[in-house]
C-alpha atoms as a PDB file:
ATOM      1  CA  MET A   1       0.092  -0.078  -0.061  1.00  0.00           C
ATOM      2  CA  GLY A   2       1.796   3.228  -1.099  1.00  0.00           C
ATOM      3  CA  VAL A   3       1.162   6.822   0.129  1.00  0.00           C
ATOM      4  CA  VAL A   4       0.336   9.336  -2.477  1.00  0.00           C
ATOM      5  CA  GLU A   5      -0.171  13.124  -1.619  1.00  0.00           C
ATOM      6  CA  VAL A   6      -3.154  14.937  -2.965  1.00  0.00           C
ATOM      7  CA  GLU A   7      -3.753  18.549  -3.076  1.00  0.00           C
ATOM      8  CA  VAL A   8      -6.228  18.808  -0.181  1.00  0.00           C
ATOM      9  CA  GLU A   9      -5.449  21.515   2.526  1.00  0.00           C
ATOM     10  CA  GLY A  10      -4.723  19.937   6.036  1.00  0.00           C
ATOM     11  CA  ILE A  11      -4.071  21.723   9.381  1.00  0.00           C
ATOM     12  CA  GLY A  12      -1.224  24.405   9.126  1.00  0.00           C
ATOM     13  CA  GLY A  13      -1.504  24.544   5.277  1.00  0.00           C
ATOM     14  CA  ALA A  14      -0.124  20.792   4.996  1.00  0.00           C
ATOM     15  CA  SER A  15      -1.734  18.726   2.277  1.00  0.00           C
ATOM     16  CA  LEU A  16      -3.803  15.701   3.581  1.00  0.00           C
ATOM     17  CA  PRO A  17      -2.170  12.462   2.663  1.00  0.00           C
ATOM     18  CA  ASP A  18      -4.449  10.154   0.507  1.00  0.00           C
ATOM     19  CA  CYS A  19      -3.629   7.067   2.532  1.00  0.00           C
ATOM     20  CA  VAL A  20      -1.104   6.299   5.497  1.00  0.00           C
ATOM     21  CA  LEU A  21       0.111   2.887   6.559  1.00  0.00           C
ATOM     22  CA  ALA A  22       2.245   2.701   9.596  1.00  0.00           C
ATOM     23  CA  GLY A  23       2.651   0.246  12.594  1.00  0.00           C
ATOM     24  CA  LEU A  24       4.316  -0.634  15.773  1.00  0.00           C
ATOM     25  CA  ILE A  25       7.118  -3.026  16.419  1.00  0.00           C
ATOM     26  CA  GLY A  26       7.477  -4.652  19.773  1.00  0.00           C
ATOM     27  CA  ASN A  27       7.044  -7.563  22.066  1.00  0.00           C
ATOM     28  CA  SER A  28       3.665  -8.364  23.708  1.00  0.00           C
ATOM     29  CA  ILE A  29       1.958  -5.200  22.278  1.00  0.00           C
ATOM     30  CA  GLN A  30      -1.525  -6.581  21.597  1.00  0.00           C
ATOM     31  CA  ALA A  31      -2.985  -4.249  24.391  1.00  0.00           C
ATOM     32  CA  SER A  32      -1.621  -1.020  22.759  1.00  0.00           C
ATOM     33  CA  ARG A  33      -3.948   1.772  22.558  1.00  0.00           C
ATOM     34  CA  THR A  34      -1.557   3.330  19.789  1.00  0.00           C
ATOM     35  CA  PRO A  35      -3.448   2.123  16.688  1.00  0.00           C
ATOM     36  CA  ARG A  36      -6.808   3.355  17.602  1.00  0.00           C
ATOM     37  CA  MET A  37      -5.440   6.961  18.474  1.00  0.00           C
ATOM     38  CA  HIS A  38      -3.721   7.086  15.180  1.00  0.00           C
ATOM     39  CA  MET A  39      -6.541   5.591  13.108  1.00  0.00           C
ATOM     40  CA  ASP A  40      -9.365   7.416  14.533  1.00  0.00           C
ATOM     41  CA  GLU A  41      -7.465  10.769  14.255  1.00  0.00           C
ATOM     42  CA  GLY A  42      -6.870   9.893  10.543  1.00  0.00           C
ATOM     43  CA  THR A  43     -10.599   9.472  10.224  1.00  0.00           C
ATOM     44  CA  ALA A  44     -11.502  12.513  11.976  1.00  0.00           C
ATOM     45  CA  LEU A  45      -9.094  14.482   9.586  1.00  0.00           C
ATOM     46  CA  GLY A  46     -10.577  12.887   6.572  1.00  0.00           C
ATOM     47  CA  PHE A  47      -8.059  10.524   5.257  1.00  0.00           C
ATOM     48  CA  PRO A  48      -7.580   6.692   5.494  1.00  0.00           C
ATOM     49  CA  TYR A  49      -5.087   5.413   8.103  1.00  0.00           C
ATOM     50  CA  GLU A  50      -4.072   2.021   8.625  1.00  0.00           C
ATOM     51  CA  TYR A  51      -2.009   1.360  11.788  1.00  0.00           C
ATOM     52  CA  ARG A  52      -0.773  -2.444  12.290  1.00  0.00           C
ATOM     53  CA  LEU A  53       0.816  -4.112  15.197  1.00  0.00           C
ATOM     54  CA  ILE A  54       3.826  -6.224  14.568  1.00  0.00           C
ATOM     55  CA  ASP A  55       4.360  -8.293  17.647  1.00  0.00           C
ATOM     56  CA  LEU A  56       7.789  -9.922  17.681  1.00  0.00           C
ATOM     57  CA  PRO A  57       9.486 -12.372  19.856  1.00  0.00           C
ATOM     58  CA  ARG A  58      11.773 -11.007  22.510  1.00  0.00           C
ATOM     59  CA  ASP A  59      14.711 -12.857  21.330  1.00  0.00           C
ATOM     60  CA  LEU A  60      14.405 -11.901  17.650  1.00  0.00           C
ATOM     61  CA  GLU A  61      17.823 -12.136  15.774  1.00  0.00           C
ATOM     62  CA  GLU A  62      19.646  -9.044  14.418  1.00  0.00           C
ATOM     63  CA  ALA A  63      19.199 -10.384  10.847  1.00  0.00           C
ATOM     64  CA  ALA A  64      15.514 -10.963  11.195  1.00  0.00           C
ATOM     65  CA  LEU A  65      14.933  -7.378  12.299  1.00  0.00           C
ATOM     66  CA  ALA A  66      16.665  -6.056   9.453  1.00  0.00           C
ATOM     67  CA  ARG A  67      14.557  -8.075   7.145  1.00  0.00           C
ATOM     68  CA  ILE A  68      11.327  -7.097   8.989  1.00  0.00           C
ATOM     69  CA  LEU A  69      12.256  -3.472   8.302  1.00  0.00           C
ATOM     70  CA  ALA A  70      13.006  -3.936   4.737  1.00  0.00           C
ATOM     71  CA  ASP A  71       9.740  -5.947   4.164  1.00  0.00           C
ATOM     72  CA  LEU A  72       7.626  -3.260   5.900  1.00  0.00           C
ATOM     73  CA  GLU A  73       9.407  -0.510   3.688  1.00  0.00           C
ATOM     74  CA  ASP A  74       8.704  -2.603   0.518  1.00  0.00           C
ATOM     75  CA  ALA A  75       4.966  -2.929   1.421  1.00  0.00           C
ATOM     76  CA  GLY A  76       4.465   0.925   1.621  1.00  0.00           C
ATOM     77  CA  TYR A  77       4.716   1.750   5.204  1.00  0.00           C
ATOM     78  CA  ARG A  78       5.194   5.462   5.734  1.00  0.00           C
ATOM     79  CA  GLY A  79       6.991   4.317   9.099  1.00  0.00           C
ATOM     80  CA  VAL A  80       6.878   2.330  12.299  1.00  0.00           C
ATOM     81  CA  ASN A  81       6.712   3.212  16.067  1.00  0.00           C
ATOM     82  CA  VAL A  82       9.317   0.973  18.070  1.00  0.00           C
ATOM     83  CA  THR A  83       8.886  -0.268  21.576  1.00  0.00           C
ATOM     84  CA  VAL A  84      10.429  -2.506  24.154  1.00  0.00           C
ATOM     85  CA  PRO A  85      12.835  -4.375  23.486  1.00  0.00           C
ATOM     86  CA  TYR A  86      13.968  -2.891  20.397  1.00  0.00           C
ATOM     87  CA  LYS A  87      14.497   0.906  20.771  1.00  0.00           C
ATOM     88  CA  ARG A  88      18.135   0.504  20.803  1.00  0.00           C
ATOM     89  CA  ASP A  89      18.581  -2.506  18.752  1.00  0.00           C
ATOM     90  CA  ILE A  90      17.133  -0.528  15.757  1.00  0.00           C
ATOM     91  CA  LEU A  91      19.757   1.823  15.769  1.00  0.00           C
ATOM     92  CA  THR A  92      22.143  -0.090  13.487  1.00  0.00           C
ATOM     93  CA  HIS A  93      19.456  -0.407  10.835  1.00  0.00           C
ATOM     94  CA  LEU A  94      18.959   3.175  10.374  1.00  0.00           C
ATOM     95  CA  ASP A  95      20.634   5.642   7.913  1.00  0.00           C
ATOM     96  CA  ALA A  96      20.172   9.032   9.992  1.00  0.00           C
ATOM     97  CA  LEU A  97      18.871  10.059  13.425  1.00  0.00           C
ATOM     98  CA  SER A  98      17.038  13.312  14.290  1.00  0.00           C
ATOM     99  CA  ASP A  99      18.597  15.587  16.951  1.00  0.00           C
ATOM    100  CA  ASP A 100      16.414  14.233  19.596  1.00  0.00           C
ATOM    101  CA  ALA A 101      17.250  10.413  18.892  1.00  0.00           C
ATOM    102  CA  HIS A 102      20.843  11.335  18.555  1.00  0.00           C
ATOM    103  CA  ALA A 103      20.771  13.081  21.923  1.00  0.00           C
ATOM    104  CA  VAL A 104      18.840  10.155  23.609  1.00  0.00           C
ATOM    105  CA  GLY A 105      20.501   7.305  22.100  1.00  0.00           C
ATOM    106  CA  ALA A 106      17.418   5.489  21.298  1.00  0.00           C
ATOM    107  CA  VAL A 107      14.643   5.470  18.620  1.00  0.00           C
ATOM    108  CA  ASN A 108      10.875   4.996  19.025  1.00  0.00           C
ATOM    109  CA  THR A 109       9.936   6.180  15.662  1.00  0.00           C
ATOM    110  CA  VAL A 110      11.314   5.430  12.196  1.00  0.00           C
ATOM    111  CA  LEU A 111      10.285   7.169   8.965  1.00  0.00           C
ATOM    112  CA  PHE A 112      10.764   5.594   5.716  1.00  0.00           C
ATOM    113  CA  THR A 113      11.965   8.309   3.113  1.00  0.00           C
ATOM    114  CA  LYS A 114      13.572   8.680  -0.185  1.00  0.00           C
ATOM    115  CA  ASP A 115      16.683   9.633   1.703  1.00  0.00           C
ATOM    116  CA  GLY A 116      16.733   6.351   3.833  1.00  0.00           C
ATOM    117  CA  ARG A 117      15.270   5.437   7.348  1.00  0.00           C
ATOM    118  CA  ILE A 118      15.215   8.284   9.683  1.00  0.00           C
ATOM    119  CA  GLY A 119      15.124   7.572  13.471  1.00  0.00           C
ATOM    120  CA  HIS A 120      13.291   9.990  15.875  1.00  0.00           C
ATOM    121  CA  ASN A 121      12.431   9.728  19.619  1.00  0.00           C
ATOM    122  CA  THR A 122       9.093  11.193  20.319  1.00  0.00           C
ATOM    123  CA  ASP A 123       9.288   9.528  23.872  1.00  0.00           C
ATOM    124  CA  TYR A 124      11.462  12.493  24.866  1.00  0.00           C
ATOM    125  CA  TRP A 125       8.948  15.050  23.971  1.00  0.00           C
ATOM    126  CA  GLY A 126       6.011  13.005  25.132  1.00  0.00           C
ATOM    127  CA  PHE A 127       7.481  12.674  28.896  1.00  0.00           C
ATOM    128  CA  ALA A 128       8.548  16.326  28.975  1.00  0.00           C
ATOM    129  CA  GLU A 129       5.105  17.710  27.682  1.00  0.00           C
ATOM    130  CA  SER A 130       3.408  15.362  30.232  1.00  0.00           C
ATOM    131  CA  LEU A 131       5.515  16.444  33.081  1.00  0.00           C
ATOM    132  CA  ARG A 132       5.081  20.067  31.934  1.00  0.00           C
ATOM    133  CA  ARG A 133       1.243  19.818  32.102  1.00  0.00           C
ATOM    134  CA  GLY A 134       0.861  17.410  34.959  1.00  0.00           C
ATOM    135  CA  LEU A 135       3.423  18.411  37.633  1.00  0.00           C
ATOM    136  CA  PRO A 136       4.534  21.942  36.579  1.00  0.00           C
ATOM    137  CA  ASP A 137       5.545  23.234  40.074  1.00  0.00           C
ATOM    138  CA  VAL A 138       7.197  20.368  41.700  1.00  0.00           C
ATOM    139  CA  ALA A 139      10.620  20.484  43.185  1.00  0.00           C
ATOM    140  CA  ARG A 140      13.447  19.448  40.972  1.00  0.00           C
ATOM    141  CA  ASP A 141      16.555  19.626  42.836  1.00  0.00           C
ATOM    142  CA  LYS A 142      17.452  16.004  42.696  1.00  0.00           C
ATOM    143  CA  VAL A 143      15.226  13.216  40.937  1.00  0.00           C
ATOM    144  CA  LEU A 144      15.718   9.586  41.343  1.00  0.00           C
ATOM    145  CA  LEU A 145      15.231   7.704  37.935  1.00  0.00           C
ATOM    146  CA  MET A 146      14.556   3.933  38.020  1.00  0.00           C
ATOM    147  CA  GLY A 147      15.535   2.649  34.462  1.00  0.00           C
ATOM    148  CA  ALA A 148      18.197   3.474  32.065  1.00  0.00           C
ATOM    149  CA  GLY A 149      17.053   1.366  28.983  1.00  0.00           C
ATOM    150  CA  GLY A 150      15.783   2.808  25.748  1.00  0.00           C
ATOM    151  CA  ALA A 151      12.747   4.650  27.381  1.00  0.00           C
ATOM    152  CA  GLY A 152      14.932   5.457  30.287  1.00  0.00           C
ATOM    153  CA  HIS A 153      17.274   7.466  28.256  1.00  0.00           C
ATOM    154  CA  ALA A 154      14.390   9.650  26.761  1.00  0.00           C
ATOM    155  CA  VAL A 155      13.026  10.302  30.193  1.00  0.00           C
ATOM    156  CA  ALA A 156      16.556  11.124  31.449  1.00  0.00           C
ATOM    157  CA  HIS A 157      17.174  13.729  28.950  1.00  0.00           C
ATOM    158  CA  ALA A 158      13.725  15.184  29.230  1.00  0.00           C
ATOM    159  CA  LEU A 159      14.034  15.456  32.935  1.00  0.00           C
ATOM    160  CA  VAL A 160      17.589  17.194  32.836  1.00  0.00           C
ATOM    161  CA  ASP A 161      16.222  19.511  30.052  1.00  0.00           C
ATOM    162  CA  SER A 162      13.140  20.231  32.118  1.00  0.00           C
ATOM    163  CA  GLY A 163      15.212  21.576  34.826  1.00  0.00           C
ATOM    164  CA  VAL A 164      16.375  18.764  37.170  1.00  0.00           C
ATOM    165  CA  GLY A 165      19.363  19.871  38.874  1.00  0.00           C
ATOM    166  CA  THR A 166      20.783  16.359  39.412  1.00  0.00           C
ATOM    167  CA  LEU A 167      19.662  13.119  38.175  1.00  0.00           C
ATOM    168  CA  LEU A 168      20.258  10.110  40.237  1.00  0.00           C
ATOM    169  CA  VAL A 169      20.203   7.055  37.901  1.00  0.00           C
ATOM    170  CA  CYS A 170      19.482   3.569  38.954  1.00  0.00           C
ATOM    171  CA  ASP A 171      19.138   0.311  36.941  1.00  0.00           C
ATOM    172  CA  THR A 172      19.774  -3.391  37.638  1.00  0.00           C
ATOM    173  CA  ASN A 173      22.138  -3.178  34.561  1.00  0.00           C
ATOM    174  CA  ARG A 174      24.930  -1.094  36.054  1.00  0.00           C
ATOM    175  CA  GLU A 175      26.634  -0.768  32.645  1.00  0.00           C
ATOM    176  CA  LEU A 176      23.570   0.757  31.189  1.00  0.00           C
ATOM    177  CA  ALA A 177      23.236   3.150  34.002  1.00  0.00           C
ATOM    178  CA  THR A 178      26.825   4.251  34.071  1.00  0.00           C
ATOM    179  CA  SER A 179      26.552   4.857  30.208  1.00  0.00           C
ATOM    180  CA  LEU A 180      23.507   7.079  30.705  1.00  0.00           C
ATOM    181  CA  VAL A 181      25.227   9.085  33.427  1.00  0.00           C
ATOM    182  CA  SER A 182      28.146   9.761  31.079  1.00  0.00           C
ATOM    183  CA  GLU A 183      25.934  10.737  28.296  1.00  0.00           C
ATOM    184  CA  LEU A 184      24.133  13.180  30.381  1.00  0.00           C
ATOM    185  CA  ASN A 185      27.055  14.826  32.127  1.00  0.00           C
ATOM    186  CA  GLU A 186      28.735  15.071  28.715  1.00  0.00           C
ATOM    187  CA  ARG A 187      25.783  16.928  27.066  1.00  0.00           C
ATOM    188  CA  ALA A 188      24.400  19.011  29.957  1.00  0.00           C
ATOM    189  CA  GLY A 189      27.429  19.365  32.083  1.00  0.00           C
ATOM    190  CA  ALA A 190      29.438  17.748  34.686  1.00  0.00           C
ATOM    191  CA  GLY A 191      27.438  17.000  37.930  1.00  0.00           C
ATOM    192  CA  ARG A 192      23.967  16.911  36.180  1.00  0.00           C
ATOM    193  CA  ALA A 193      23.786  13.060  36.626  1.00  0.00           C
ATOM    194  CA  GLU A 194      25.143  10.671  39.195  1.00  0.00           C
ATOM    195  CA  LEU A 195      25.182   6.811  39.262  1.00  0.00           C
ATOM    196  CA  VAL A 196      22.931   5.397  42.261  1.00  0.00           C
ATOM    197  CA  GLU A 197      25.049   3.207  44.579  1.00  0.00           C
ATOM    198  CA  ASP A 198      22.621   3.071  47.540  1.00  0.00           C
ATOM    199  CA  VAL A 199      18.950   3.265  46.443  1.00  0.00           C
ATOM    200  CA  ALA A 200      17.827   4.090  49.956  1.00  0.00           C
ATOM    201  CA  GLU A 201      20.067   7.083  50.088  1.00  0.00           C
ATOM    202  CA  ALA A 202      19.106   8.299  46.805  1.00  0.00           C
ATOM    203  CA  ALA A 203      15.555   8.173  47.530  1.00  0.00           C
ATOM    204  CA  LYS A 204      16.242  10.070  50.797  1.00  0.00           C
ATOM    205  CA  ALA A 205      17.876  12.755  48.825  1.00  0.00           C
ATOM    206  CA  ALA A 206      15.412  12.848  45.918  1.00  0.00           C
ATOM    207  CA  ASP A 207      12.492  15.238  45.393  1.00  0.00           C
ATOM    208  CA  GLY A 208      10.904  13.004  42.973  1.00  0.00           C
ATOM    209  CA  ILE A 209      11.052   9.218  41.740  1.00  0.00           C
ATOM    210  CA  VAL A 210      10.363   8.410  38.165  1.00  0.00           C
ATOM    211  CA  ASN A 211       9.881   4.699  37.082  1.00  0.00           C
ATOM    212  CA  ALA A 212      11.222   4.087  33.553  1.00  0.00           C
ATOM    213  CA  THR A 213      11.239   0.412  33.680  1.00  0.00           C
ATOM    214  CA  PRO A 214       8.486  -2.103  32.756  1.00  0.00           C
ATOM    215  CA  VAL A 215       8.041  -2.918  36.199  1.00  0.00           C
ATOM    216  CA  GLY A 216       4.356  -2.402  37.083  1.00  0.00           C
ATOM    217  CA  MET A 217       3.124  -3.636  33.685  1.00  0.00           C
ATOM    218  CA  LEU A 218       0.351  -6.339  33.658  1.00  0.00           C
ATOM    219  CA  LYS A 219       2.893  -8.799  32.463  1.00  0.00           C
ATOM    220  CA  MET A 220       5.441  -7.645  34.950  1.00  0.00           C
ATOM    221  CA  PRO A 221       3.779  -6.839  38.220  1.00  0.00           C
ATOM    222  CA  GLY A 222       5.281  -5.080  41.245  1.00  0.00           C
ATOM    223  CA  MET A 223       7.286  -1.988  42.150  1.00  0.00           C
ATOM    224  CA  PRO A 224      10.610  -1.009  41.101  1.00  0.00           C
ATOM    225  CA  ILE A 225      11.670   0.353  44.523  1.00  0.00           C
ATOM    226  CA  ASP A 226      10.905  -0.639  48.063  1.00  0.00           C
ATOM    227  CA  GLY A 227       7.639   1.097  49.088  1.00  0.00           C
ATOM    228  CA  ALA A 228       9.086   2.102  52.460  1.00  0.00           C
ATOM    229  CA  LEU A 229      11.440   4.582  50.602  1.00  0.00           C
ATOM    230  CA  VAL A 230       8.533   6.539  49.182  1.00  0.00           C
ATOM    231  CA  GLU A 231       7.712   9.381  51.475  1.00  0.00           C
ATOM    232  CA  PRO A 232       4.772  11.854  51.206  1.00  0.00           C
ATOM    233  CA  ARG A 233       7.107  14.765  50.311  1.00  0.00           C
ATOM    234  CA  HIS A 234       7.990  12.845  46.995  1.00  0.00           C
ATOM    235  CA  TRP A 235       6.391  13.284  43.575  1.00  0.00           C
ATOM    236  CA  VAL A 236       6.086  10.194  41.727  1.00  0.00           C
ATOM    237  CA  ALA A 237       5.946   9.556  38.089  1.00  0.00           C
ATOM    238  CA  ASP A 238       5.504   6.338  35.959  1.00  0.00           C
ATOM    239  CA  ILE A 239       5.861   5.715  32.249  1.00  0.00           C
ATOM    240  CA  VAL A 240       3.806   2.447  32.426  1.00  0.00           C
ATOM    241  CA  TYR A 241       0.283   2.979  31.153  1.00  0.00           C
ATOM    242  CA  PHE A 242      -1.087  -0.485  31.135  1.00  0.00           C
ATOM    243  CA  PRO A 243      -2.354  -0.443  33.793  1.00  0.00           C
ATOM    244  CA  LEU A 244      -2.513   3.251  34.350  1.00  0.00           C
ATOM    245  CA  GLU A 245      -2.612   2.991  38.176  1.00  0.00           C
ATOM    246  CA  THR A 246       0.405   0.970  38.685  1.00  0.00           C
ATOM    247  CA  LYS A 247       1.331  -0.556  42.043  1.00  0.00           C
ATOM    248  CA  LEU A 248       3.922   2.257  42.576  1.00  0.00           C
ATOM    249  CA  LEU A 249       1.352   5.144  41.806  1.00  0.00           C
ATOM    250  CA  ALA A 250      -1.273   3.480  44.019  1.00  0.00           C
ATOM    251  CA  HIS A 251       1.282   3.269  46.773  1.00  0.00           C
ATOM    252  CA  ALA A 252       2.573   6.744  46.440  1.00  0.00           C
ATOM    253  CA  ARG A 253      -0.950   8.164  45.949  1.00  0.00           C
ATOM    254  CA  GLY A 254      -2.045   6.516  49.332  1.00  0.00           C
ATOM    255  CA  LYS A 255       0.890   8.072  50.984  1.00  0.00           C
ATOM    256  CA  GLY A 256      -0.334  11.510  49.735  1.00  0.00           C
ATOM    257  CA  CYS A 257       2.385  11.955  46.990  1.00  0.00           C
ATOM    258  CA  ALA A 258       1.704  14.025  43.873  1.00  0.00           C
ATOM    259  CA  VAL A 259       1.640  11.344  40.978  1.00  0.00           C
ATOM    260  CA  LEU A 260       1.867  11.389  37.342  1.00  0.00           C
ATOM    261  CA  SER A 261       0.712   8.366  35.265  1.00  0.00           C
ATOM    262  CA  GLY A 262       2.090   7.130  31.931  1.00  0.00           C
ATOM    263  CA  ALA A 263      -0.979   8.276  30.204  1.00  0.00           C
ATOM    264  CA  GLY A 264       0.532  11.647  29.115  1.00  0.00           C
ATOM    265  CA  MET A 265       3.723  10.384  27.809  1.00  0.00           C
ATOM    266  CA  ALA A 266       1.769   7.647  25.645  1.00  0.00           C
ATOM    267  CA  LEU A 267      -0.560  10.470  24.393  1.00  0.00           C
ATOM    268  CA  PHE A 268       2.032  12.992  23.338  1.00  0.00           C
ATOM    269  CA  GLN A 269       4.466  10.592  21.979  1.00  0.00           C
ATOM    270  CA  ALA A 270       1.646   9.452  19.812  1.00  0.00           C
ATOM    271  CA  VAL A 271       0.786  12.942  18.854  1.00  0.00           C
ATOM    272  CA  ARG A 272       4.353  13.797  17.671  1.00  0.00           C
ATOM    273  CA  ALA A 273       4.606  10.426  15.813  1.00  0.00           C
ATOM    274  CA  PHE A 274       1.299  11.109  14.039  1.00  0.00           C
ATOM    275  CA  GLU A 275       2.661  14.285  12.722  1.00  0.00           C
ATOM    276  CA  LEU A 276       5.895  12.503  11.639  1.00  0.00           C
ATOM    277  CA  PHE A 277       4.068  10.053   9.721  1.00  0.00           C
ATOM    278  CA  THR A 278       1.382  12.115   8.057  1.00  0.00           C
ATOM    279  CA  GLY A 279       2.818  15.546   7.903  1.00  0.00           C
ATOM    280  CA  VAL A 280      -0.528  16.768   9.647  1.00  0.00           C
ATOM    281  CA  THR A 281      -0.897  18.172  12.992  1.00  0.00           C
ATOM    282  CA  PRO A 282      -3.468  16.248  15.033  1.00  0.00           C
ATOM    283  CA  ASP A 283      -5.801  17.411  17.635  1.00  0.00           C
ATOM    284  CA  ALA A 284      -4.142  16.332  20.757  1.00  0.00           C
ATOM    285  CA  ASP A 285      -7.507  16.583  22.848  1.00  0.00           C
ATOM    286  CA  ARG A 286      -9.241  14.494  20.349  1.00  0.00           C
ATOM    287  CA  MET A 287      -6.554  11.803  20.667  1.00  0.00           C
ATOM    288  CA  LYS A 288      -6.473  11.911  24.447  1.00  0.00           C
ATOM    289  CA  ALA A 289     -10.364  11.235  24.302  1.00  0.00           C
ATOM    290  CA  VAL A 290      -9.712   8.039  22.357  1.00  0.00           C
ATOM    291  CA  PHE A 291      -7.057   7.004  24.870  1.00  0.00           C
ATOM    292  CA  ASP A 292      -9.153   7.625  27.795  1.00  0.00           C
ATOM    293  CA  SER A 293     -12.075   5.550  26.097  1.00  0.00           C
ATOM    294  CA  PHE A 294     -10.196   2.400  27.000  1.00  0.00           C
ATOM    295  CA  ASP A 295     -10.673   2.796  30.554  1.00  0.00           C
END
């Protein structure tokens, strides 16, 4: 299915696409809300939009991922979103990176263009926008980040760029955490990030706690941090959105903490990806209504 531009005016003066085919690459993604957000917005704007789920095994070989991307490109896909566990694996199969993807070191959106495959990271903007709207006035002197994977990289850079003084980075994979701390200090300045050696001490020093791990998802229940370390003075954010009320957020809410669910990041990364795939600015409130309709 190809994509053909027609001379119909869209939002902001852009022409509406005749048809768009896109998708999501990931593992265990059947519960994703993303397809309906994209397709319903395409319908609302007046053009056909098909968004497919490409659910792959977690242990997919590198060569298989390359073949899948080539097949999707040949099939006429405008691009694909990318989620766990391929946000960093995909990097070796791209021709260029946007500034945000280059800074973050992970990709969640790939555009197939005449100039090759271009990687973007809409998670970065999605989390930053969610934080700006949902917790605009919280203290940000020190923040504890749990998770330094693909999503963790995007969230980390968004936090630092949103005014966090020192980001305390923790991950069960020490190599990933160390690498992220080095990246942040190199880009934002020495001392902007620190490797967590003692989670209890880090939580005690932090104003906020952010979960950027999969822990809390239905397929991976639990909390990424000992609940006893969460205090009423903390604000707590989670990027998991299925379920919206993770065990961590329920626990934090019960202690009186200000909380931020993963809904905002999921919504705003989709808003930005929609614009990249179609060239048309979507209605964020309308896409939010679709997202909320799943509850």
